[in-house]
Structure formats: C-alpha cells, structure tokens
Amino acid sequence: MHIPHTNFHDVLIAGAGPVGLFLACELRLAGCSVLILEQALDPHTPLKELPFGLRGLSVPTIETFDRRDLLRHIEERAVAHNAPAAAHWMQQTRRPAGHFAGIQFFNDQIDSTQWSHRVQRPVSSVAADMVSIEAVLAERAEVLGVEILRGCGVEDLEQSESGVTVFAGRREFRGQWLVGCDGGRSTVRKMARIGFTGTDPEFTGYSVQVKIAEADLLRPGRNYTPTGMYTFAPPGTIGMVDFDGGAYHRTNPITREHVEAVLRKISGTEVRLAELELATTWTDRAYQATQYKKGRVLLAGDAAHVHSPLGGQGLNLGLGDAMNLGWKLAATIRGHAAVELLDSYHRERHPEGARILDWSRAQVALMRPSPSSRALESIIRDLLKTPDCATYFAGRVWGVASRYDLGDAHPLLGRSAPDFDLIDGTRLHQRLRTGRGVLLDLDASESLKALTACWDGRIQYVASDAKDRLGLSALLIRPDGIVAWASDAAGNKSGATVTASKWFGDPSPTHP
C-alpha cells in the first residue's frame, strides 16, 4: 500500500518503538494517514538483543497480537533468535507462572477455574526479544503504508483547534492529532505542558554482562542480602539493585571498577570482574502523566508512565495503550465517534497505569534491605504457596484480572472477550483481524443481525454457536477486543442498540 509523501497527516506519532509502531498499524488499519517521527537513525541497540532485550508478553498483549495476526510472526522470530531458551524459567523443572519482587509462584498452583469469564484453555506464555517484536511491527507498518522518518525527532509543537504543527529536523509537519510515544523523557509531553507526577527512586538498578574471575563466589538465581538484591545467570549476566536513592543512574560512566564495587557491596563477596562487556542502569522512579489527552496531543507508552522494570510490565502496558487508543482516534478522525469516545482513552488507561505503578512500588517495598521488609517477604512467600494467593498474583501479573469500568450490568463488561472456538471452525480472535467491532450472535437471532446494518460496516455480524459459550447468548465486542455488551438471554436487542451507539457513533441515516 503506497501513500504519497505529504507534510499533512491525520496523525503524527513521535517515536518508532513498539508502542508507536503498533499504534500506527492500528490507525492505518482504519484508513488513517500516519507519519512516525523518530529521533534515532538506527533503531537497533545491543540492549534490545538477548539477554537484556527479553520480554515476557502478558495475556492481554498475547491476545492483542493474536487478534491482529501478529503473534505467530513474533513467536517464529523469537524462536529463531532462541529467545525462549534465554528465559531463565525455561530451565527449571517446575514451571514458574511469574514472580513478585523475585518470589516465584508456579503454574501447578494456579486455579484457572476462578476466571469464569475465560474459555478454559491453558494460558500460554510468550517470551520474545525486542528485536523480534520491533521487526514484526515495522514490517506490518510498512505493508500498511505507514511513513517513518528516522533521524527526525520532535523539537517543538504548536496546537490549534483544528490540528497540530510539529517542528522536527528543521522541517514542519502538520496533522490533526499528535501522539507522543517518545519515552519517559518525552519531548511531546514537555512541549504540551502535561504534568508528570509520582514517586522518586529509592535505588539504582544495574543490568550487566561481564566476565567474572571467580564466578563460584556468586550464587545463581535471585538473592536478597543485607545490602540489596542481585540475580546471577551464569556465566556472566547479572542484575542488581543498590538502594542509593537512584544516585548513579545516568550521572556517571558505568565502569568495570564501579560495577565490581557495587557487586561486592551487594553480594558480600570479594568477587572480581575481569571485563565489563555491556551495562545499563535503571531506577524504580514511578511517574505518570496527569492527563493522557490535552487538546490535540495524546500520550502513550513510557511518555505517559514510567516505573521500574520489575515484573516486565512496561512494554505490555504501553501496547495496551496503543490498542485502546488506535480505534478510538480513528473513529474520531472518520467522524463516526461520539464526542466522549476519545475522552474514554484517559478514563480507561490512566487507572490501569496507576495500578501498574503501585504494583511496582509494592515490589520495591518488599526488596528494601531492612528487617521489616525481610519479615514481610517471609509472609508473602508463605502466602504464595497457597492456590488462592498464587491465582490472585497470576491474575495480576498475567493481566487476566484486568477490567475496564464499563458498569456492572454483566460480569464480562470491560473484560477481554473470550476467544471462543466457534462451531464454524474459526476462533473469535480471527474475526477481529479487520479492526472492526464484532457482534457475536451465538443464537443467530434475526433481530441482532438487522442491528449491524445500521452501522455501515463498523460492526461485523458473526452468527455461530461456540463449543463452550459460557452460558452466553450474544456479545458486542469493541475493535480492541473488550466486551462492550453481553447477554445471557436470546433476543435482547435494546441493550445492544444503546451500547452500539455509545461506542460506534450514530447509526447510518439510511437505517432506523
């Protein structure tokens, strides 16, 4: 798909990371013109490769990629790069389901029957490297006709009632909307004067690849000590946190001597490092934008929220932003949306971001090198051995428990739609690949079939029973896979009509 170059686009996106790329794909799927402005000339860095580039994808992210036919491509590339083998949990005889501040819980403890809103099938985990994820998203963006200008970072912007002018690389670009996906130090956020508030760091975290002179002095795995915490994956991958208030993050060069000194302090050993091959620092700073939308500017990903990488939820949170925002922004541009639709982006995603930031803060509290934290850690370890507690933590870590507040008319409202195995041989996820909403009519009622004609192709009608319908009769599913309306009773058209108007705009004037 070719799009002629122009300085005016429906949407300008700052940042060509996974969040910006995926958002661009969502917008192009809906027919919007998109230009991505990326500061870096080359997107590749060693930190995106294994082992530091390894990311665990949450259930919502796996479902999102599956609904857009991206999952199989990411899995294929990840396997080719040997990403699953790089995941330390793959080497254990008992399969971990996740961890909280390094305290593992296991798959055989999880009672998935507690998640009655899901079709009962094994919850698969996917480990992929950032190189693979970005490559697949960039290829999809190219196929869809997304323009990407590299070496052209946003420097300033001006807003008006009708659009945004962006100044980048001594050029001007205009668009109806601008989305900042340009990271935690977002220029877009700063230029739009959007507040960024939260809690300052307690530690400096280190991720390093080294050659160790006496590797036997370090114990493999995750280790809490009186002065901090370190993880060691032989032969030379180390992560550690030094509770120094974040003093060393981005303030000084990371030298072999410094890393060795910190490792000795944390491990309580006289370990010697022969060589420092790769190193980066990070902190537990937890900040969030006060608003995700201001005028014609929106934020997504790290531009909207930053937190420690504990639990690996940053990428998943950002991709969730993109999936939520894409169809809403496209519907606004195409004139299909109600005025309030785009406001629901902040209303739904800001609380989700706040929950993840608090989840990160809670892990930091458990990691502090203090007697009270060690006592609390002991209690959490005991609790995580129980099925109820392990299932609760899995629901949070995997994202299975995530739900938008869309009311309480039905237990499925606001949740990810179950991936029904339909009797016509397809799965529900496959029916969402066009980026349209879906009205799934498990009873094939004529009244609901007539409903979809009122929205001019914005809603796809699917009439098919399912192998396990969870006691449902029909569901209306948003383009992002979220259940907007559900009914246990056949023929309930009124609720579907009201909900369709809310999420898909006014019906066509040619239909009642």
Protein backbone atom coordinates (compact mmCIF):
# COMPACT_ATOMS: atom_id res chain seq x y z
CA MET A 1 0.00 0.00 0.00
CA HIS A 2 1.63 3.26 -1.14
CA ILE A 3 0.88 6.67 0.35
CA PRO A 4 2.24 9.80 -1.38
CA HIS A 5 4.50 11.90 0.84
CA THR A 6 2.83 14.92 2.34
CA ASN A 7 3.53 17.15 5.32
CA PHE A 8 -0.08 16.79 6.45
CA HIS A 9 -1.34 13.56 8.03
CA ASP A 10 -4.30 12.51 10.08
CA VAL A 11 -1.95 11.50 12.90
CA LEU A 12 1.67 12.32 13.69
CA ILE A 13 3.38 9.90 16.06
CA ALA A 14 6.59 10.72 17.91
CA GLY A 15 8.61 7.57 18.46
CA ALA A 16 9.10 4.39 16.41
CA GLY A 17 9.36 1.95 19.29
CA PRO A 18 6.89 -0.92 19.70
CA VAL A 19 4.12 1.34 21.03
CA GLY A 20 4.42 3.92 18.26
CA LEU A 21 4.67 1.24 15.56
CA PHE A 22 1.69 -0.71 16.83
CA LEU A 23 -0.43 2.41 17.20
CA ALA A 24 0.45 3.38 13.63
CA CYS A 25 -0.65 -0.06 12.41
CA GLU A 26 -3.97 0.29 14.21
CA LEU A 27 -4.60 3.69 12.65
CA ARG A 28 -3.68 2.54 9.15
CA LEU A 29 -5.93 -0.50 9.56
CA ALA A 30 -8.77 2.01 9.95
CA GLY A 31 -7.66 4.01 6.90
CA CYS A 32 -5.95 6.97 8.59
CA SER A 33 -2.77 8.53 7.18
CA VAL A 34 0.11 8.27 9.66
CA LEU A 35 3.63 9.67 9.92
CA ILE A 36 6.08 8.49 12.58
CA LEU A 37 8.90 10.87 13.55
CA GLU A 38 11.79 9.01 15.18
CA GLN A 39 14.84 10.69 16.67
CA ALA A 40 17.24 7.76 16.25
CA LEU A 41 18.70 7.00 12.85
CA ASP A 42 19.17 3.33 13.72
CA PRO A 43 16.57 1.61 15.93
CA HIS A 44 18.92 -1.21 16.94
CA THR A 45 20.93 -1.25 20.16
CA PRO A 46 22.63 -4.16 21.98
CA LEU A 47 20.16 -3.72 24.86
CA LYS A 48 17.31 -4.87 22.59
CA GLU A 49 19.10 -8.15 21.95
CA LEU A 50 19.28 -11.13 24.29
CA PRO A 51 19.57 -11.39 27.20
CA PHE A 52 18.59 -7.83 28.19
CA GLY A 53 16.06 -7.46 25.37
CA LEU A 54 13.97 -10.41 26.54
CA ARG A 55 10.36 -9.54 27.33
CA GLY A 56 7.56 -11.68 28.69
CA LEU A 57 4.27 -10.86 26.98
CA SER A 58 1.20 -10.66 29.19
CA VAL A 59 -2.08 -12.37 28.33
CA PRO A 60 -3.68 -9.10 27.07
CA THR A 61 -0.65 -8.50 24.82
CA ILE A 62 -0.71 -12.07 23.51
CA GLU A 63 -4.42 -11.72 22.79
CA THR A 64 -3.90 -8.33 21.15
CA PHE A 65 -1.21 -9.66 18.83
CA ASP A 66 -3.30 -12.74 18.04
CA ARG A 67 -6.31 -10.57 17.16
CA ARG A 68 -4.18 -8.74 14.59
CA ASP A 69 -2.39 -11.86 13.27
CA LEU A 70 0.96 -10.68 14.63
CA LEU A 71 1.50 -13.30 17.34
CA ARG A 72 2.64 -16.17 15.12
CA HIS A 73 5.17 -13.94 13.35
CA ILE A 74 6.63 -12.73 16.67
CA GLU A 75 6.81 -16.28 18.01
CA GLU A 76 8.56 -17.51 14.86
CA ARG A 77 11.19 -14.77 15.03
CA ALA A 78 11.67 -15.21 18.76
CA VAL A 79 12.26 -18.94 18.35
CA ALA A 80 14.74 -18.23 15.54
CA HIS A 81 16.60 -15.87 17.89
CA ASN A 82 16.43 -18.52 20.65
CA ALA A 83 14.54 -16.14 22.93
CA PRO A 84 12.54 -18.84 24.78
CA ALA A 85 15.75 -20.63 25.74
CA ALA A 86 17.13 -17.36 27.13
CA ALA A 87 14.26 -17.18 29.62
CA HIS A 88 15.66 -18.49 32.89
CA TRP A 89 12.32 -20.02 33.87
CA MET A 90 12.52 -22.38 30.88
CA GLN A 91 15.45 -24.13 32.55
CA GLN A 92 13.53 -25.09 35.71
CA THR A 93 11.87 -28.45 36.22
CA ARG A 94 8.84 -26.80 37.84
CA ARG A 95 7.41 -24.13 35.53
CA PRO A 96 7.13 -20.71 37.22
CA ALA A 97 4.00 -18.70 36.45
CA GLY A 98 5.67 -15.43 37.39
CA HIS A 99 7.12 -13.63 40.35
CA PHE A 100 6.50 -10.77 42.73
CA ALA A 101 9.70 -8.99 43.79
CA GLY A 102 11.56 -12.14 42.78
CA ILE A 103 9.34 -14.52 44.79
CA GLN A 104 8.15 -17.13 42.32
CA PHE A 105 4.76 -18.80 42.08
CA PHE A 106 4.11 -21.79 39.85
CA ASN A 107 1.73 -22.98 37.17
CA ASP A 108 0.67 -26.06 39.12
CA GLN A 109 -0.66 -23.78 41.89
CA ILE A 110 -2.98 -21.76 39.64
CA ASP A 111 -6.72 -22.44 39.79
CA SER A 112 -7.86 -21.07 36.44
CA THR A 113 -11.47 -22.08 37.13
CA GLN A 114 -11.66 -18.92 39.24
CA TRP A 115 -11.56 -16.94 35.97
CA SER A 116 -15.10 -17.78 34.92
CA HIS A 117 -15.02 -15.05 32.24
CA ARG A 118 -12.48 -17.00 30.19
CA VAL A 119 -12.75 -20.04 27.96
CA GLN A 120 -10.86 -22.72 29.82
CA ARG A 121 -7.66 -23.47 27.95
CA PRO A 122 -4.02 -23.34 29.04
CA VAL A 123 -2.73 -19.79 29.43
CA SER A 124 0.37 -19.80 27.26
CA SER A 125 3.38 -17.62 27.95
CA VAL A 126 5.41 -16.00 25.21
CA ALA A 127 8.99 -14.78 25.64
CA ALA A 128 10.27 -12.60 22.82
CA ASP A 129 13.21 -10.29 22.29
CA MET A 130 12.70 -6.63 21.49
CA VAL A 131 14.48 -7.04 18.16
CA SER A 132 11.88 -9.56 17.03
CA ILE A 133 8.94 -7.54 18.32
CA GLU A 134 10.05 -4.33 16.65
CA ALA A 135 10.95 -6.07 13.40
CA VAL A 136 7.50 -7.66 13.07
CA LEU A 137 5.72 -4.41 13.90
CA ALA A 138 7.92 -2.41 11.50
CA GLU A 139 7.22 -4.89 8.69
CA ARG A 140 3.47 -4.69 9.33
CA ALA A 141 3.64 -0.89 9.41
CA GLU A 142 5.45 -0.86 6.07
CA VAL A 143 2.88 -3.19 4.48
CA LEU A 144 0.06 -0.97 5.72
CA GLY A 145 1.72 2.16 4.34
CA VAL A 146 2.95 3.92 7.47
CA GLU A 147 5.57 6.61 6.79
CA ILE A 148 8.58 6.58 9.12
CA LEU A 149 11.16 9.37 9.18
CA ARG A 150 14.23 8.42 11.20
CA GLY A 151 16.75 10.93 12.48
CA CYS A 152 13.88 13.38 12.81
CA GLY A 153 12.91 13.83 16.46
CA VAL A 154 10.25 16.25 17.64
CA GLU A 155 11.74 19.54 18.85
CA ASP A 156 8.65 21.71 19.40
CA LEU A 157 4.95 21.83 18.63
CA GLU A 158 2.06 24.25 18.28
CA GLN A 159 -1.60 23.40 18.75
CA SER A 160 -4.74 24.93 17.29
CA GLU A 161 -8.40 23.93 17.40
CA SER A 162 -8.04 22.08 14.10
CA GLY A 163 -4.67 20.43 14.40
CA VAL A 164 -1.02 20.31 15.46
CA THR A 165 2.16 21.65 13.84
CA VAL A 166 5.33 19.77 14.74
CA PHE A 167 8.85 21.09 14.26
CA ALA A 168 11.36 18.33 13.66
CA GLY A 169 14.66 18.20 11.83
CA ARG A 170 14.32 21.80 10.55
CA ARG A 171 11.02 20.89 8.96
CA GLU A 172 7.38 21.45 9.78
CA PHE A 173 4.76 18.70 9.80
CA ARG A 174 1.05 19.15 10.29
CA GLY A 175 -1.59 16.73 11.44
CA GLN A 176 -4.99 16.56 13.03
CA TRP A 177 -3.51 14.82 16.07
CA LEU A 178 -0.10 14.19 17.64
CA VAL A 179 0.62 11.17 19.83
CA GLY A 180 3.74 11.13 21.98
CA CYS A 181 5.24 7.64 22.13
CA ASP A 182 8.71 9.08 22.69
CA GLY A 183 9.67 7.55 26.01
CA GLY A 184 9.94 8.54 29.64
CA ARG A 185 11.74 11.82 28.86
CA SER A 186 9.09 12.64 26.25
CA THR A 187 9.62 15.89 24.38
CA VAL A 188 5.97 15.85 23.33
CA ARG A 189 4.79 15.67 26.93
CA LYS A 190 7.05 18.52 27.95
CA MET A 191 6.17 20.73 24.97
CA ALA A 192 2.46 20.14 25.56
CA ARG A 193 2.97 21.11 29.23
CA ILE A 194 1.37 17.97 30.57
CA GLY A 195 2.10 17.28 34.23
CA PHE A 196 4.19 14.28 35.25
CA THR A 197 3.94 13.29 38.90
CA GLY A 198 4.85 10.36 41.11
CA THR A 199 7.50 8.98 43.44
CA ASP A 200 11.26 9.41 43.17
CA PRO A 201 13.65 6.44 43.04
CA GLU A 202 14.94 4.50 46.01
CA PHE A 203 17.60 2.55 44.14
CA THR A 204 19.86 2.34 41.12
CA GLY A 205 19.36 -0.90 39.22
CA TYR A 206 22.12 -2.45 37.10
CA SER A 207 21.86 -4.91 34.24
CA VAL A 208 25.33 -6.02 33.18
CA GLN A 209 27.08 -8.62 31.06
CA VAL A 210 30.52 -9.39 32.47
CA LYS A 211 33.38 -11.84 32.55
CA ILE A 212 33.92 -12.98 36.13
CA ALA A 213 37.24 -14.08 37.54
CA GLU A 214 35.67 -16.13 40.36
CA ALA A 215 32.12 -16.99 39.32
CA ASP A 216 31.79 -19.59 42.09
CA LEU A 217 31.62 -16.77 44.65
CA LEU A 218 28.16 -15.79 43.36
CA ARG A 219 25.08 -17.90 43.94
CA PRO A 220 22.93 -18.36 40.80
CA GLY A 221 19.36 -17.09 40.85
CA ARG A 222 17.87 -14.19 42.76
CA ASN A 223 19.47 -13.38 46.11
CA TYR A 224 18.40 -10.96 48.84
CA THR A 225 21.23 -9.67 51.01
CA PRO A 226 21.55 -7.24 53.94
CA THR A 227 22.61 -4.54 51.47
CA GLY A 228 20.33 -5.13 48.48
CA MET A 229 19.50 -7.78 45.89
CA TYR A 230 21.27 -9.41 42.96
CA THR A 231 20.47 -12.05 40.35
CA PHE A 232 23.11 -14.13 38.65
CA ALA A 233 22.68 -16.21 35.49
CA PRO A 234 25.97 -17.94 34.64
CA PRO A 235 28.30 -17.36 33.02
CA GLY A 236 28.07 -13.58 33.31
CA THR A 237 24.62 -11.98 33.31
CA ILE A 238 23.95 -10.00 36.47
CA GLY A 239 21.17 -7.76 37.68
CA MET A 240 21.38 -5.90 40.99
CA VAL A 241 19.81 -3.04 42.89
CA ASP A 242 21.67 -0.64 45.14
CA PHE A 243 19.42 1.39 47.44
CA ASP A 244 21.26 4.66 46.90
CA GLY A 245 18.25 6.80 46.01
CA GLY A 246 18.96 6.41 42.30
CA ALA A 247 22.12 8.48 42.63
CA TYR A 248 24.15 6.66 39.96
CA HIS A 249 21.53 6.45 37.22
CA ARG A 250 22.65 8.48 34.19
CA THR A 251 25.03 10.57 36.28
CA ASN A 252 28.40 8.89 35.69
CA PRO A 253 30.03 6.49 33.23
CA ILE A 254 29.44 2.84 34.11
CA THR A 255 32.92 1.43 34.58
CA ARG A 256 34.14 -2.07 35.40
CA GLU A 257 35.57 -0.79 38.68
CA HIS A 258 32.27 0.76 39.74
CA VAL A 259 30.20 -2.30 38.85
CA GLU A 260 32.67 -4.52 40.71
CA ALA A 261 32.47 -2.31 43.80
CA VAL A 262 28.66 -2.34 43.81
CA LEU A 263 28.55 -6.10 43.24
CA ARG A 264 30.92 -6.68 46.15
CA LYS A 265 28.79 -4.45 48.35
CA ILE A 266 25.54 -6.20 47.41
CA SER A 267 26.80 -9.78 47.33
CA GLY A 268 29.07 -9.53 50.38
CA THR A 269 31.85 -11.30 48.47
CA GLU A 270 35.27 -10.35 47.11
CA VAL A 271 34.27 -11.23 43.55
CA ARG A 272 36.46 -9.80 40.78
CA LEU A 273 35.29 -8.77 37.32
CA ALA A 274 37.75 -9.43 34.51
CA GLU A 275 35.78 -7.47 31.90
CA LEU A 276 32.63 -5.35 31.58
CA GLU A 277 31.01 -6.21 28.24
CA LEU A 278 27.66 -4.41 28.43
CA ALA A 279 25.94 -2.36 31.12
CA THR A 280 22.92 -0.17 31.71
CA THR A 281 21.26 1.36 34.73
CA TRP A 282 17.62 1.93 35.68
CA THR A 283 15.62 3.00 38.71
CA ASP A 284 12.29 2.48 40.43
CA ARG A 285 11.13 6.03 39.65
CA ALA A 286 7.34 5.79 39.23
CA TYR A 287 5.75 8.76 37.46
CA GLN A 288 2.56 9.18 35.46
CA ALA A 289 1.16 11.89 33.20
CA THR A 290 -1.66 13.81 34.85
CA GLN A 291 -3.65 13.61 31.62
CA TYR A 292 -3.29 11.37 28.57
CA LYS A 293 -5.02 13.88 26.30
CA LYS A 294 -4.57 17.63 26.16
CA GLY A 295 -6.08 19.42 23.22
CA ARG A 296 -4.83 17.69 20.08
CA VAL A 297 -1.97 15.90 21.86
CA LEU A 298 -2.16 12.40 23.34
CA LEU A 299 0.39 10.26 25.18
CA ALA A 300 1.00 6.51 25.15
CA GLY A 301 3.63 4.13 26.49
CA ASP A 302 6.53 5.44 28.57
CA ALA A 303 5.63 9.01 27.62
CA ALA A 304 2.53 8.50 29.76
CA HIS A 305 4.02 6.41 32.57
CA VAL A 306 7.39 5.19 33.83
CA HIS A 307 8.17 2.65 36.52
CA SER A 308 10.79 0.05 37.36
CA PRO A 309 11.09 -2.95 35.02
CA LEU A 310 10.26 -5.31 37.91
CA GLY A 311 7.87 -7.90 36.55
CA GLY A 312 8.40 -6.72 32.96
CA GLN A 313 5.06 -4.94 32.59
CA GLY A 314 6.19 -1.70 30.93
CA LEU A 315 6.02 -2.92 27.33
CA ASN A 316 2.70 -4.65 27.93
CA LEU A 317 1.22 -1.53 29.49
CA GLY A 318 2.28 0.61 26.54
CA LEU A 319 0.93 -1.80 23.94
CA GLY A 320 -2.35 -1.80 25.85
CA ASP A 321 -2.41 1.99 25.50
CA ALA A 322 -1.94 1.69 21.74
CA MET A 323 -4.68 -0.92 21.32
CA ASN A 324 -7.12 1.16 23.35
CA LEU A 325 -6.31 4.43 21.62
CA GLY A 326 -5.98 3.36 17.99
CA TRP A 327 -9.58 2.57 17.10
CA LYS A 328 -10.94 5.46 19.16
CA LEU A 329 -8.70 8.02 17.48
CA ALA A 330 -9.50 6.56 14.05
CA ALA A 331 -13.24 6.70 14.73
CA THR A 332 -12.87 10.34 15.80
CA ILE A 333 -10.99 11.23 12.62
CA ARG A 334 -13.53 9.47 10.40
CA GLY A 335 -16.40 11.25 12.12
CA HIS A 336 -18.00 8.08 13.47
CA ALA A 337 -17.32 8.67 17.13
CA ALA A 338 -19.31 10.44 19.76
CA VAL A 339 -17.52 13.40 21.32
CA GLU A 340 -16.86 11.46 24.51
CA LEU A 341 -15.22 8.45 22.86
CA LEU A 342 -11.68 9.81 22.79
CA ASP A 343 -12.00 11.00 26.39
CA SER A 344 -12.56 7.38 27.39
CA TYR A 345 -8.92 6.69 26.49
CA HIS A 346 -7.69 8.56 29.56
CA ARG A 347 -10.61 7.30 31.64
CA GLU A 348 -9.73 3.66 30.94
CA ARG A 349 -5.97 3.67 30.62
CA HIS A 350 -4.93 6.12 33.36
CA PRO A 351 -6.27 3.88 36.17
CA GLU A 352 -4.62 0.87 34.53
CA GLY A 353 -1.29 2.70 34.53
CA ALA A 354 -1.75 3.76 38.15
CA ARG A 355 -2.35 0.14 39.16
CA ILE A 356 0.87 -0.99 37.50
CA LEU A 357 2.85 1.81 39.15
CA ASP A 358 1.51 0.76 42.56
CA TRP A 359 2.32 -2.87 41.76
CA SER A 360 5.89 -1.79 41.06
CA ARG A 361 6.09 0.27 44.26
CA ALA A 362 4.84 -2.68 46.31
CA GLN A 363 7.66 -4.85 44.98
CA VAL A 364 10.22 -2.20 45.87
CA ALA A 365 8.87 -2.13 49.43
CA LEU A 366 9.47 -5.87 49.66
CA MET A 367 13.03 -5.56 48.32
CA ARG A 368 14.34 -2.94 50.74
CA PRO A 369 17.31 -4.20 52.77
CA SER A 370 15.59 -3.85 56.13
CA PRO A 371 14.38 -6.26 58.83
CA SER A 372 10.75 -5.25 58.26
CA SER A 373 10.96 -5.96 54.51
CA ARG A 374 12.59 -9.35 55.13
CA ALA A 375 9.82 -10.19 57.60
CA LEU A 376 7.17 -9.17 55.07
CA GLU A 377 8.95 -11.17 52.37
CA SER A 378 8.69 -14.29 54.53
CA ILE A 379 4.94 -13.83 54.87
CA ILE A 380 4.45 -13.27 51.14
CA ARG A 381 6.47 -16.41 50.38
CA ASP A 382 4.15 -18.46 52.60
CA LEU A 383 1.03 -16.91 51.05
CA LEU A 384 2.25 -17.59 47.52
CA LYS A 385 2.34 -21.31 48.31
CA THR A 386 -1.46 -21.31 48.58
CA PRO A 387 -3.65 -21.74 45.45
CA ASP A 388 -5.85 -18.72 46.16
CA CYS A 389 -2.91 -16.37 46.62
CA ALA A 390 -0.98 -17.77 43.67
CA THR A 391 -4.07 -17.42 41.48
CA TYR A 392 -4.57 -13.82 42.59
CA PHE A 393 -0.95 -12.93 41.79
CA ALA A 394 -1.15 -14.73 38.45
CA GLY A 395 -4.27 -12.76 37.59
CA ARG A 396 -2.40 -9.52 38.26
CA VAL A 397 0.93 -10.45 36.66
CA TRP A 398 -0.58 -12.13 33.61
CA GLY A 399 -3.16 -9.37 33.18
CA VAL A 400 -6.07 -11.82 33.30
CA ALA A 401 -7.73 -9.80 36.06
CA SER A 402 -7.65 -6.55 34.06
CA ARG A 403 -11.06 -4.93 33.56
CA TYR A 404 -12.27 -1.51 32.50
CA ASP A 405 -15.07 0.04 34.49
CA LEU A 406 -17.95 -0.12 31.98
CA GLY A 407 -20.63 -0.77 34.58
CA ASP A 408 -21.85 -3.90 36.27
CA ALA A 409 -24.73 -4.94 34.02
CA HIS A 410 -22.84 -8.14 33.17
CA PRO A 411 -19.70 -9.78 34.64
CA LEU A 412 -18.00 -9.73 31.22
CA LEU A 413 -18.34 -5.99 30.64
CA GLY A 414 -14.96 -4.30 30.34
CA ARG A 415 -13.08 -7.59 30.11
CA SER A 416 -11.17 -9.11 27.23
CA ALA A 417 -13.58 -11.13 25.11
CA PRO A 418 -13.18 -14.91 25.46
CA ASP A 419 -11.50 -16.46 22.46
CA PHE A 420 -14.44 -18.72 21.64
CA ASP A 421 -13.89 -21.78 19.49
CA LEU A 422 -16.80 -21.29 17.09
CA ILE A 423 -18.55 -24.27 15.55
CA ASP A 424 -17.89 -22.82 12.09
CA GLY A 425 -14.23 -23.74 12.63
CA THR A 426 -12.90 -20.26 13.41
CA ARG A 427 -11.92 -18.54 16.64
CA LEU A 428 -13.28 -15.20 17.80
CA HIS A 429 -9.81 -13.64 17.68
CA GLN A 430 -9.65 -14.32 13.96
CA ARG A 431 -12.86 -12.36 13.44
CA LEU A 432 -11.23 -9.24 14.94
CA ARG A 433 -8.38 -9.01 12.44
CA THR A 434 -10.06 -6.36 10.31
CA GLY A 435 -10.05 -3.89 13.19
CA ARG A 436 -13.85 -3.65 13.26
CA GLY A 437 -16.17 -4.33 16.17
CA VAL A 438 -17.90 -7.70 16.30
CA LEU A 439 -21.44 -8.63 17.26
CA LEU A 440 -21.22 -12.31 18.12
CA ASP A 441 -24.69 -13.83 17.98
CA LEU A 442 -24.47 -17.31 19.44
CA ASP A 443 -28.20 -17.84 18.87
CA ALA A 444 -28.26 -16.42 15.31
CA SER A 445 -31.29 -14.18 16.02
CA GLU A 446 -32.72 -12.09 13.19
CA SER A 447 -33.15 -9.02 15.41
CA LEU A 448 -29.45 -8.78 16.15
CA LYS A 449 -28.48 -9.41 12.54
CA ALA A 450 -30.53 -6.40 11.47
CA LEU A 451 -28.78 -4.28 14.08
CA THR A 452 -25.34 -4.42 12.46
CA ALA A 453 -26.64 -2.99 9.17
CA CYS A 454 -27.26 0.31 10.98
CA TRP A 455 -23.54 0.96 11.45
CA ASP A 456 -22.25 0.80 7.86
CA GLY A 457 -19.61 -1.90 8.27
CA ARG A 458 -18.30 -0.58 11.58
CA ILE A 459 -19.64 -3.74 13.24
CA GLN A 460 -19.15 -7.22 11.82
CA TYR A 461 -22.01 -9.64 12.45
CA VAL A 462 -20.96 -13.19 13.31
CA ALA A 463 -23.69 -15.80 13.79
CA SER A 464 -22.20 -19.00 15.17
CA ASP A 465 -22.53 -21.12 18.26
CA ALA A 466 -19.41 -21.94 20.27
CA LYS A 467 -18.09 -25.17 21.72
CA ASP A 468 -18.23 -23.52 25.13
CA ARG A 469 -20.42 -20.42 25.12
CA LEU A 470 -20.05 -19.74 28.87
CA GLY A 471 -23.83 -19.53 29.15
CA LEU A 472 -23.97 -16.50 26.84
CA SER A 473 -26.39 -15.63 24.08
CA ALA A 474 -24.63 -12.68 22.41
CA LEU A 475 -21.76 -10.21 22.84
CA LEU A 476 -20.84 -6.86 21.33
CA ILE A 477 -17.07 -6.55 21.18
CA ARG A 478 -15.10 -3.37 20.58
CA PRO A 479 -12.29 -3.33 18.00
CA ASP A 480 -9.77 -3.66 20.84
CA GLY A 481 -11.35 -6.95 21.93
CA ILE A 482 -13.12 -5.56 25.00
CA VAL A 483 -16.68 -6.70 25.73
CA ALA A 484 -18.99 -3.69 25.49
CA TRP A 485 -22.29 -5.57 25.91
CA ALA A 486 -23.24 -9.14 26.76
CA SER A 487 -26.47 -11.01 27.24
CA ASP A 488 -27.38 -14.37 28.66
CA ALA A 489 -30.86 -14.19 27.13
CA ALA A 490 -31.81 -14.54 23.47
CA GLY A 491 -33.31 -11.60 21.56
CA ASN A 492 -32.22 -8.78 23.87
CA LYS A 493 -31.76 -6.15 21.16
CA SER A 494 -32.36 -2.96 23.12
CA GLY A 495 -29.22 -3.19 25.23
CA ALA A 496 -27.08 -3.89 22.18
CA THR A 497 -28.52 -0.91 20.29
CA VAL A 498 -27.81 1.56 23.08
CA THR A 499 -24.29 0.23 23.55
CA ALA A 500 -23.52 0.26 19.83
CA SER A 501 -24.46 3.94 19.67
CA LYS A 502 -22.14 4.69 22.58
CA TRP A 503 -19.06 3.03 21.12
CA PHE A 504 -19.65 3.19 17.36
CA GLY A 505 -21.42 6.53 16.98
CA ASP A 506 -24.79 7.29 15.48
CA PRO A 507 -26.29 4.70 13.13
CA SER A 508 -26.41 5.43 9.42
CA PRO A 509 -29.24 7.81 8.48
CA THR A 510 -30.34 5.27 5.87
CA HIS A 511 -31.21 2.79 8.61
CA PRO A 512 -33.63 3.12 11.51
